[in-house]
Amino acid sequence: MNTISKSVGQGATNIPQDVVTIQQLLKNAGFDPGTADGKCGPKTLTAILQCQRQFLPKPDGRIDPNGATWKRLTHAGSAAALPKIKTPSPALQWGGDSSQWSQDKKLSTMEPTLRSKVPGLLDTLTKQGFQPKIFYAWRSVAVQQRLVAEGKSTVHFSFHNAQLPDGTPYAYAADIIDHRWGWEKAAKENGFWVALGKAAKDVGLYWGGDWKSFPDEAHVQSLPNHDLAKVKKESGL
C-alpha cells in the first residue's frame, strides 16, 4: 500500500490493484468507497470527491501517484488529520437555475471526457467568428420535467441530468448556442448549427442535430444514446 502505479478516479487509468489501494486508504480516512473490489465505480468516485473537498478548492475526483490527494491519504491515517473546510451541501451548491451559472461552473458540472473537449470546441467556433456559450451543462431532473411539459424535450431523464450518488453533477451533455441568436432561426441562417455539429464530431462528441425523430441542434454529448439507461441507473434516479 506504499504506492500506486497509475492514476485512480475520474478519467484515470484505474488499474484494479491501484483502485483497491485507494479504496482501502479512503476507508481508513473515514470515507466510504464501498467494497474494495478494484472497480472505480460511482461510490468510489464520490468518496474521492468527499475527501478532496476537505482540502482542495476545486476537487477533480482524481488521485495521481505522489499527487496532493495521495499525499493526504497516505499521511493522514484518519479523517481527523485532514483539515476540514466548510463546503455547501450538493443541494445548496447546485441549486437554482443552472442555465444562469457562470461558464466555469457549468464546465465543472461535466464528466471529465466532456469537460476536456468542450473548451476546444468553443475555441474552434470562436475562431470561425461565432460567439458560442454553454447554455446548459448539468440540469436537474425537475428542470428536465419542465422542458418535457413545455414540449422542448421528449425524454424525462437525459444525459444532462446525470450525477454521482451524493448528488454531485456529472453531466454527459451540454447545450451550446451563439449568445446573439439562441435558438432563433438566425442561428441556422448564419450557419451556427452546422458549424457546431462539425466541431463536435471533430472532437469525438455526438451531435443532437443528427437525430431524425427530434433534432436538437444545440446539444452535444459524450456517450451514445443507448448508454442512457445505464447512466440513469448509476445516477440512482
C-alpha atoms as a PDB file:
ATOM      1  CA  MET A   1       0.000   0.000   0.000  1.00  0.00           C
ATOM      2  CA  ASN A   2       3.014   2.293  -0.311  1.00  0.00           C
ATOM      3  CA  THR A   3       2.329   3.439  -3.842  1.00  0.00           C
ATOM      4  CA  ILE A   4       0.058   3.304  -6.866  1.00  0.00           C
ATOM      5  CA  SER A   5       1.453   2.875 -10.353  1.00  0.00           C
ATOM      6  CA  LYS A   6      -1.127   4.958 -12.239  1.00  0.00           C
ATOM      7  CA  SER A   7      -3.875   7.473 -11.502  1.00  0.00           C
ATOM      8  CA  VAL A   8      -7.202   6.464  -9.952  1.00  0.00           C
ATOM      9  CA  GLY A   9     -10.579   8.188 -10.283  1.00  0.00           C
ATOM     10  CA  GLN A  10     -12.320  10.316 -12.894  1.00  0.00           C
ATOM     11  CA  GLY A  11     -10.728   9.904 -16.322  1.00  0.00           C
ATOM     12  CA  ALA A  12      -7.883   7.900 -14.781  1.00  0.00           C
ATOM     13  CA  THR A  13      -6.129   4.627 -15.701  1.00  0.00           C
ATOM     14  CA  ASN A  14      -7.779   2.758 -12.793  1.00  0.00           C
ATOM     15  CA  ILE A  15      -5.614  -0.363 -12.615  1.00  0.00           C
ATOM     16  CA  PRO A  16      -7.582  -2.709 -10.300  1.00  0.00           C
ATOM     17  CA  GLN A  17      -4.819  -3.120  -7.689  1.00  0.00           C
ATOM     18  CA  ASP A  18      -4.320   0.652  -7.579  1.00  0.00           C
ATOM     19  CA  VAL A  19      -8.066   1.123  -7.118  1.00  0.00           C
ATOM     20  CA  VAL A  20      -8.063  -1.370  -4.228  1.00  0.00           C
ATOM     21  CA  THR A  21      -5.222   0.583  -2.595  1.00  0.00           C
ATOM     22  CA  ILE A  22      -7.156   3.840  -2.883  1.00  0.00           C
ATOM     23  CA  GLN A  23     -10.370   2.237  -1.658  1.00  0.00           C
ATOM     24  CA  GLN A  24      -8.586   0.961   1.440  1.00  0.00           C
ATOM     25  CA  LEU A  25      -6.952   4.335   2.093  1.00  0.00           C
ATOM     26  CA  LEU A  26     -10.260   6.155   1.682  1.00  0.00           C
ATOM     27  CA  LYS A  27     -11.957   3.796   4.127  1.00  0.00           C
ATOM     28  CA  ASN A  28      -9.140   4.244   6.657  1.00  0.00           C
ATOM     29  CA  ALA A  29      -9.558   8.026   6.333  1.00  0.00           C
ATOM     30  CA  GLY A  30     -13.290   7.830   7.049  1.00  0.00           C
ATOM     31  CA  PHE A  31     -14.702   7.991   3.517  1.00  0.00           C
ATOM     32  CA  ASP A  32     -16.841   5.101   2.298  1.00  0.00           C
ATOM     33  CA  PRO A  33     -15.786   3.846  -1.173  1.00  0.00           C
ATOM     34  CA  GLY A  34     -17.923   0.707  -0.922  1.00  0.00           C
ATOM     35  CA  THR A  35     -16.354  -2.733  -1.259  1.00  0.00           C
ATOM     36  CA  ALA A  36     -12.620  -2.760  -2.022  1.00  0.00           C
ATOM     37  CA  ASP A  37     -13.205  -4.587  -5.296  1.00  0.00           C
ATOM     38  CA  GLY A  38     -10.769  -2.800  -7.612  1.00  0.00           C
ATOM     39  CA  LYS A  39     -13.562  -1.140  -9.589  1.00  0.00           C
ATOM     40  CA  CYS A  40     -13.684   2.653  -9.656  1.00  0.00           C
ATOM     41  CA  GLY A  41     -17.470   2.990  -9.637  1.00  0.00           C
ATOM     42  CA  PRO A  42     -19.744   5.861  -8.560  1.00  0.00           C
ATOM     43  CA  LYS A  43     -19.358   5.144  -4.836  1.00  0.00           C
ATOM     44  CA  THR A  44     -15.550   5.269  -5.022  1.00  0.00           C
ATOM     45  CA  LEU A  45     -15.684   8.465  -7.107  1.00  0.00           C
ATOM     46  CA  THR A  46     -17.984  10.026  -4.519  1.00  0.00           C
ATOM     47  CA  ALA A  47     -15.587   9.075  -1.716  1.00  0.00           C
ATOM     48  CA  ILE A  48     -12.650  10.625  -3.584  1.00  0.00           C
ATOM     49  CA  LEU A  49     -14.575  13.862  -4.081  1.00  0.00           C
ATOM     50  CA  GLN A  50     -15.680  13.914  -0.438  1.00  0.00           C
ATOM     51  CA  CYS A  51     -12.071  13.517   0.623  1.00  0.00           C
ATOM     52  CA  GLN A  52     -10.814  16.218  -1.737  1.00  0.00           C
ATOM     53  CA  ARG A  53     -13.455  18.689  -0.580  1.00  0.00           C
ATOM     54  CA  GLN A  54     -11.721  18.715   2.794  1.00  0.00           C
ATOM     55  CA  PHE A  55      -8.637  20.473   1.429  1.00  0.00           C
ATOM     56  CA  LEU A  56      -8.926  21.275  -2.297  1.00  0.00           C
ATOM     57  CA  PRO A  57     -10.798  24.367  -3.551  1.00  0.00           C
ATOM     58  CA  LYS A  58     -11.574  22.562  -6.839  1.00  0.00           C
ATOM     59  CA  PRO A  59     -11.869  18.776  -6.349  1.00  0.00           C
ATOM     60  CA  ASP A  60     -11.272  16.864  -9.581  1.00  0.00           C
ATOM     61  CA  GLY A  61     -12.085  13.305  -8.478  1.00  0.00           C
ATOM     62  CA  ARG A  62      -8.666  12.018  -9.492  1.00  0.00           C
ATOM     63  CA  ILE A  63      -5.753  10.710  -7.418  1.00  0.00           C
ATOM     64  CA  ASP A  64      -2.317  10.723  -9.037  1.00  0.00           C
ATOM     65  CA  PRO A  65       0.811   8.940  -7.748  1.00  0.00           C
ATOM     66  CA  ASN A  66       2.539  11.343  -5.336  1.00  0.00           C
ATOM     67  CA  GLY A  67      -0.146  13.958  -6.025  1.00  0.00           C
ATOM     68  CA  ALA A  68      -1.781  16.128  -3.362  1.00  0.00           C
ATOM     69  CA  THR A  69      -4.634  13.715  -2.608  1.00  0.00           C
ATOM     70  CA  TRP A  70      -2.312  10.715  -2.465  1.00  0.00           C
ATOM     71  CA  LYS A  71      -0.061  12.511  -0.001  1.00  0.00           C
ATOM     72  CA  ARG A  72      -3.020  13.486   2.165  1.00  0.00           C
ATOM     73  CA  LEU A  73      -4.347   9.944   2.265  1.00  0.00           C
ATOM     74  CA  THR A  74      -1.020   8.242   2.921  1.00  0.00           C
ATOM     75  CA  HIS A  75      -0.001  10.702   5.640  1.00  0.00           C
ATOM     76  CA  ALA A  76      -3.413  11.284   7.155  1.00  0.00           C
ATOM     77  CA  GLY A  77      -4.106   7.961   8.819  1.00  0.00           C
ATOM     78  CA  SER A  78      -7.554   9.171   9.746  1.00  0.00           C
ATOM     79  CA  ALA A  79     -10.160  11.675   8.628  1.00  0.00           C
ATOM     80  CA  ALA A  80      -9.299  13.842  11.640  1.00  0.00           C
ATOM     81  CA  ALA A  81      -5.876  14.541  10.149  1.00  0.00           C
ATOM     82  CA  LEU A  82      -7.435  16.134   7.090  1.00  0.00           C
ATOM     83  CA  PRO A  83      -8.002  19.866   7.626  1.00  0.00           C
ATOM     84  CA  LYS A  84     -11.736  20.487   7.450  1.00  0.00           C
ATOM     85  CA  ILE A  85     -13.243  23.161   5.271  1.00  0.00           C
ATOM     86  CA  LYS A  86     -16.890  24.038   5.205  1.00  0.00           C
ATOM     87  CA  THR A  87     -18.456  23.245   1.851  1.00  0.00           C
ATOM     88  CA  PRO A  88     -22.082  23.624   0.863  1.00  0.00           C
ATOM     89  CA  SER A  89     -24.213  20.529   0.509  1.00  0.00           C
ATOM     90  CA  PRO A  90     -24.904  19.428  -3.072  1.00  0.00           C
ATOM     91  CA  ALA A  91     -28.493  20.636  -2.687  1.00  0.00           C
ATOM     92  CA  LEU A  92     -27.256  24.168  -1.960  1.00  0.00           C
ATOM     93  CA  GLN A  93     -24.154  24.189  -4.132  1.00  0.00           C
ATOM     94  CA  TRP A  94     -26.031  23.015  -7.213  1.00  0.00           C
ATOM     95  CA  GLY A  95     -29.407  24.616  -6.566  1.00  0.00           C
ATOM     96  CA  GLY A  96     -31.130  27.299  -8.593  1.00  0.00           C
ATOM     97  CA  ASP A  97     -31.316  27.830 -12.345  1.00  0.00           C
ATOM     98  CA  SER A  98     -28.248  26.123 -13.784  1.00  0.00           C
ATOM     99  CA  SER A  99     -28.653  27.966 -17.093  1.00  0.00           C
ATOM    100  CA  GLN A 100     -27.674  31.149 -15.236  1.00  0.00           C
ATOM    101  CA  TRP A 101     -24.448  29.796 -13.745  1.00  0.00           C
ATOM    102  CA  SER A 102     -21.055  31.039 -14.931  1.00  0.00           C
ATOM    103  CA  GLN A 103     -19.356  29.252 -17.826  1.00  0.00           C
ATOM    104  CA  ASP A 104     -16.708  27.895 -15.448  1.00  0.00           C
ATOM    105  CA  LYS A 105     -19.329  26.488 -13.097  1.00  0.00           C
ATOM    106  CA  LYS A 106     -21.163  24.873 -15.983  1.00  0.00           C
ATOM    107  CA  LEU A 107     -17.907  23.276 -17.138  1.00  0.00           C
ATOM    108  CA  SER A 108     -17.299  21.965 -13.622  1.00  0.00           C
ATOM    109  CA  THR A 109     -20.575  20.005 -13.751  1.00  0.00           C
ATOM    110  CA  MET A 110     -19.477  17.935 -16.764  1.00  0.00           C
ATOM    111  CA  GLU A 111     -17.940  14.484 -16.575  1.00  0.00           C
ATOM    112  CA  PRO A 112     -14.213  14.524 -17.435  1.00  0.00           C
ATOM    113  CA  THR A 113     -14.371  13.480 -21.106  1.00  0.00           C
ATOM    114  CA  LEU A 114     -16.957  16.100 -22.000  1.00  0.00           C
ATOM    115  CA  ARG A 115     -15.243  18.738 -19.858  1.00  0.00           C
ATOM    116  CA  SER A 116     -11.937  18.150 -21.656  1.00  0.00           C
ATOM    117  CA  LYS A 117     -13.464  18.569 -25.128  1.00  0.00           C
ATOM    118  CA  VAL A 118     -15.910  21.455 -24.804  1.00  0.00           C
ATOM    119  CA  PRO A 119     -13.320  24.260 -24.369  1.00  0.00           C
ATOM    120  CA  GLY A 120     -11.622  23.291 -27.632  1.00  0.00           C
ATOM    121  CA  LEU A 121     -14.982  23.107 -29.375  1.00  0.00           C
ATOM    122  CA  LEU A 122     -15.848  26.619 -28.153  1.00  0.00           C
ATOM    123  CA  ASP A 123     -12.460  27.903 -29.273  1.00  0.00           C
ATOM    124  CA  THR A 124     -12.961  26.467 -32.766  1.00  0.00           C
ATOM    125  CA  LEU A 125     -16.330  28.188 -33.094  1.00  0.00           C
ATOM    126  CA  THR A 126     -14.929  31.478 -31.799  1.00  0.00           C
ATOM    127  CA  LYS A 127     -12.158  31.397 -34.399  1.00  0.00           C
ATOM    128  CA  GLN A 128     -14.842  30.960 -37.056  1.00  0.00           C
ATOM    129  CA  GLY A 129     -16.441  34.242 -35.995  1.00  0.00           C
ATOM    130  CA  PHE A 130     -19.204  32.867 -33.778  1.00  0.00           C
ATOM    131  CA  GLN A 131     -19.900  33.841 -30.172  1.00  0.00           C
ATOM    132  CA  PRO A 132     -20.581  30.471 -28.525  1.00  0.00           C
ATOM    133  CA  LYS A 133     -21.525  29.854 -24.931  1.00  0.00           C
ATOM    134  CA  ILE A 134     -22.696  26.919 -22.849  1.00  0.00           C
ATOM    135  CA  PHE A 135     -26.390  27.391 -22.122  1.00  0.00           C
ATOM    136  CA  TYR A 136     -26.893  24.149 -20.186  1.00  0.00           C
ATOM    137  CA  ALA A 137     -24.423  21.574 -18.958  1.00  0.00           C
ATOM    138  CA  TRP A 138     -25.912  19.796 -15.942  1.00  0.00           C
ATOM    139  CA  ARG A 139     -29.532  20.450 -15.092  1.00  0.00           C
ATOM    140  CA  SER A 140     -31.806  18.891 -12.508  1.00  0.00           C
ATOM    141  CA  VAL A 141     -34.429  16.255 -13.198  1.00  0.00           C
ATOM    142  CA  ALA A 142     -37.063  18.788 -12.113  1.00  0.00           C
ATOM    143  CA  VAL A 143     -35.965  21.168 -14.868  1.00  0.00           C
ATOM    144  CA  GLN A 144     -35.974  18.237 -17.294  1.00  0.00           C
ATOM    145  CA  GLN A 145     -39.623  17.531 -16.460  1.00  0.00           C
ATOM    146  CA  ARG A 146     -40.469  21.172 -17.084  1.00  0.00           C
ATOM    147  CA  LEU A 147     -38.822  21.047 -20.500  1.00  0.00           C
ATOM    148  CA  VAL A 148     -40.849  17.950 -21.370  1.00  0.00           C
ATOM    149  CA  ALA A 149     -44.048  19.720 -20.281  1.00  0.00           C
ATOM    150  CA  GLU A 150     -43.122  22.688 -22.492  1.00  0.00           C
ATOM    151  CA  GLY A 151     -42.537  20.396 -25.477  1.00  0.00           C
ATOM    152  CA  LYS A 152     -38.819  21.194 -25.600  1.00  0.00           C
ATOM    153  CA  SER A 153     -37.728  17.621 -24.861  1.00  0.00           C
ATOM    154  CA  THR A 154     -39.190  14.152 -25.264  1.00  0.00           C
ATOM    155  CA  VAL A 155     -37.219  12.375 -22.503  1.00  0.00           C
ATOM    156  CA  HIS A 156     -37.830  12.545 -18.762  1.00  0.00           C
ATOM    157  CA  PHE A 157     -34.182  11.750 -17.986  1.00  0.00           C
ATOM    158  CA  SER A 158     -31.318  12.932 -20.179  1.00  0.00           C
ATOM    159  CA  PHE A 159     -27.535  12.915 -20.153  1.00  0.00           C
ATOM    160  CA  HIS A 160     -27.784  16.459 -18.749  1.00  0.00           C
ATOM    161  CA  ASN A 161     -29.277  15.054 -15.521  1.00  0.00           C
ATOM    162  CA  ALA A 162     -26.550  12.542 -14.651  1.00  0.00           C
ATOM    163  CA  GLN A 163     -24.976  12.809 -11.213  1.00  0.00           C
ATOM    164  CA  LEU A 164     -22.874  10.911  -8.708  1.00  0.00           C
ATOM    165  CA  PRO A 165     -24.671   9.166  -5.831  1.00  0.00           C
ATOM    166  CA  ASP A 166     -24.072  12.091  -3.462  1.00  0.00           C
ATOM    167  CA  GLY A 167     -25.827  14.484  -5.842  1.00  0.00           C
ATOM    168  CA  THR A 168     -22.705  15.963  -7.436  1.00  0.00           C
ATOM    169  CA  PRO A 169     -23.450  16.844 -11.103  1.00  0.00           C
ATOM    170  CA  TYR A 170     -21.808  14.586 -13.661  1.00  0.00           C
ATOM    171  CA  ALA A 171     -23.325  15.712 -16.980  1.00  0.00           C
ATOM    172  CA  TYR A 172     -22.573  13.830 -20.177  1.00  0.00           C
ATOM    173  CA  ALA A 173     -24.231  16.535 -22.302  1.00  0.00           C
ATOM    174  CA  ALA A 174     -24.161  20.268 -22.987  1.00  0.00           C
ATOM    175  CA  ASP A 175     -26.319  22.695 -24.935  1.00  0.00           C
ATOM    176  CA  ILE A 176     -24.204  25.232 -26.819  1.00  0.00           C
ATOM    177  CA  ILE A 177     -25.600  28.321 -28.522  1.00  0.00           C
ATOM    178  CA  ASP A 178     -24.367  31.532 -30.107  1.00  0.00           C
ATOM    179  CA  HIS A 179     -25.463  34.040 -27.479  1.00  0.00           C
ATOM    180  CA  ARG A 180     -26.573  36.534 -30.155  1.00  0.00           C
ATOM    181  CA  TRP A 181     -29.218  34.198 -31.552  1.00  0.00           C
ATOM    182  CA  GLY A 182     -30.003  31.414 -29.098  1.00  0.00           C
ATOM    183  CA  TRP A 183     -32.461  29.069 -30.797  1.00  0.00           C
ATOM    184  CA  GLU A 184     -33.800  31.723 -33.174  1.00  0.00           C
ATOM    185  CA  LYS A 185     -33.761  30.991 -36.916  1.00  0.00           C
ATOM    186  CA  ALA A 186     -30.796  33.360 -37.323  1.00  0.00           C
ATOM    187  CA  ALA A 187     -28.602  30.630 -35.799  1.00  0.00           C
ATOM    188  CA  LYS A 188     -29.425  28.348 -38.726  1.00  0.00           C
ATOM    189  CA  GLU A 189     -29.293  31.128 -41.304  1.00  0.00           C
ATOM    190  CA  ASN A 190     -25.790  32.092 -40.184  1.00  0.00           C
ATOM    191  CA  GLY A 191     -24.546  28.505 -40.241  1.00  0.00           C
ATOM    192  CA  PHE A 192     -24.017  28.128 -36.497  1.00  0.00           C
ATOM    193  CA  TRP A 193     -25.696  24.732 -36.069  1.00  0.00           C
ATOM    194  CA  VAL A 194     -23.779  23.186 -38.966  1.00  0.00           C
ATOM    195  CA  ALA A 195     -20.524  24.582 -37.582  1.00  0.00           C
ATOM    196  CA  LEU A 196     -21.347  23.285 -34.090  1.00  0.00           C
ATOM    197  CA  GLY A 197     -22.159  19.819 -35.409  1.00  0.00           C
ATOM    198  CA  LYS A 198     -18.886  19.591 -37.341  1.00  0.00           C
ATOM    199  CA  ALA A 199     -16.803  20.927 -34.434  1.00  0.00           C
ATOM    200  CA  ALA A 200     -18.468  18.475 -32.035  1.00  0.00           C
ATOM    201  CA  LYS A 201     -17.862  15.463 -34.240  1.00  0.00           C
ATOM    202  CA  ASP A 202     -14.288  16.557 -34.927  1.00  0.00           C
ATOM    203  CA  VAL A 203     -13.518  16.159 -31.193  1.00  0.00           C
ATOM    204  CA  GLY A 204     -15.410  12.871 -30.880  1.00  0.00           C
ATOM    205  CA  LEU A 205     -18.728  14.100 -29.468  1.00  0.00           C
ATOM    206  CA  TYR A 206     -22.221  13.141 -30.588  1.00  0.00           C
ATOM    207  CA  TRP A 207     -24.385  15.928 -32.040  1.00  0.00           C
ATOM    208  CA  GLY A 208     -28.122  16.179 -31.434  1.00  0.00           C
ATOM    209  CA  GLY A 209     -28.681  17.704 -34.860  1.00  0.00           C
ATOM    210  CA  ASP A 210     -28.173  14.216 -36.326  1.00  0.00           C
ATOM    211  CA  TRP A 211     -31.234  12.824 -34.549  1.00  0.00           C
ATOM    212  CA  LYS A 212     -34.009  12.037 -37.017  1.00  0.00           C
ATOM    213  CA  SER A 213     -37.079  11.966 -34.771  1.00  0.00           C
ATOM    214  CA  PHE A 214     -36.350  15.007 -32.581  1.00  0.00           C
ATOM    215  CA  PRO A 215     -33.316  17.010 -33.815  1.00  0.00           C
ATOM    216  CA  ASP A 216     -31.646  19.070 -31.083  1.00  0.00           C
ATOM    217  CA  GLU A 217     -29.067  21.225 -32.850  1.00  0.00           C
ATOM    218  CA  ALA A 218     -27.647  22.848 -29.700  1.00  0.00           C
ATOM    219  CA  HIS A 219     -26.994  19.517 -27.990  1.00  0.00           C
ATOM    220  CA  VAL A 220     -23.670  17.648 -27.781  1.00  0.00           C
ATOM    221  CA  GLN A 221     -22.898  14.582 -25.655  1.00  0.00           C
ATOM    222  CA  SER A 222     -20.003  12.283 -24.896  1.00  0.00           C
ATOM    223  CA  LEU A 223     -21.892   8.959 -24.929  1.00  0.00           C
ATOM    224  CA  PRO A 224     -24.165   7.265 -27.481  1.00  0.00           C
ATOM    225  CA  ASN A 225     -27.904   7.283 -26.753  1.00  0.00           C
ATOM    226  CA  HIS A 226     -28.015   3.568 -25.928  1.00  0.00           C
ATOM    227  CA  ASP A 227     -25.975   4.250 -22.755  1.00  0.00           C
ATOM    228  CA  LEU A 228     -28.697   6.472 -21.247  1.00  0.00           C
ATOM    229  CA  ALA A 229     -30.382   3.725 -19.193  1.00  0.00           C
ATOM    230  CA  LYS A 230     -27.021   2.744 -17.682  1.00  0.00           C
ATOM    231  CA  VAL A 231     -26.249   6.362 -16.782  1.00  0.00           C
ATOM    232  CA  LYS A 232     -29.661   6.762 -15.156  1.00  0.00           C
ATOM    233  CA  LYS A 233     -29.105   3.645 -13.049  1.00  0.00           C
ATOM    234  CA  GLU A 234     -25.655   4.814 -11.952  1.00  0.00           C
ATOM    235  CA  SER A 235     -27.127   8.198 -11.012  1.00  0.00           C
ATOM    236  CA  GLY A 236     -29.616   6.479  -8.688  1.00  0.00           C
ATOM    237  CA  LEU A 237     -32.514   8.311 -10.326  1.00  0.00           C
END
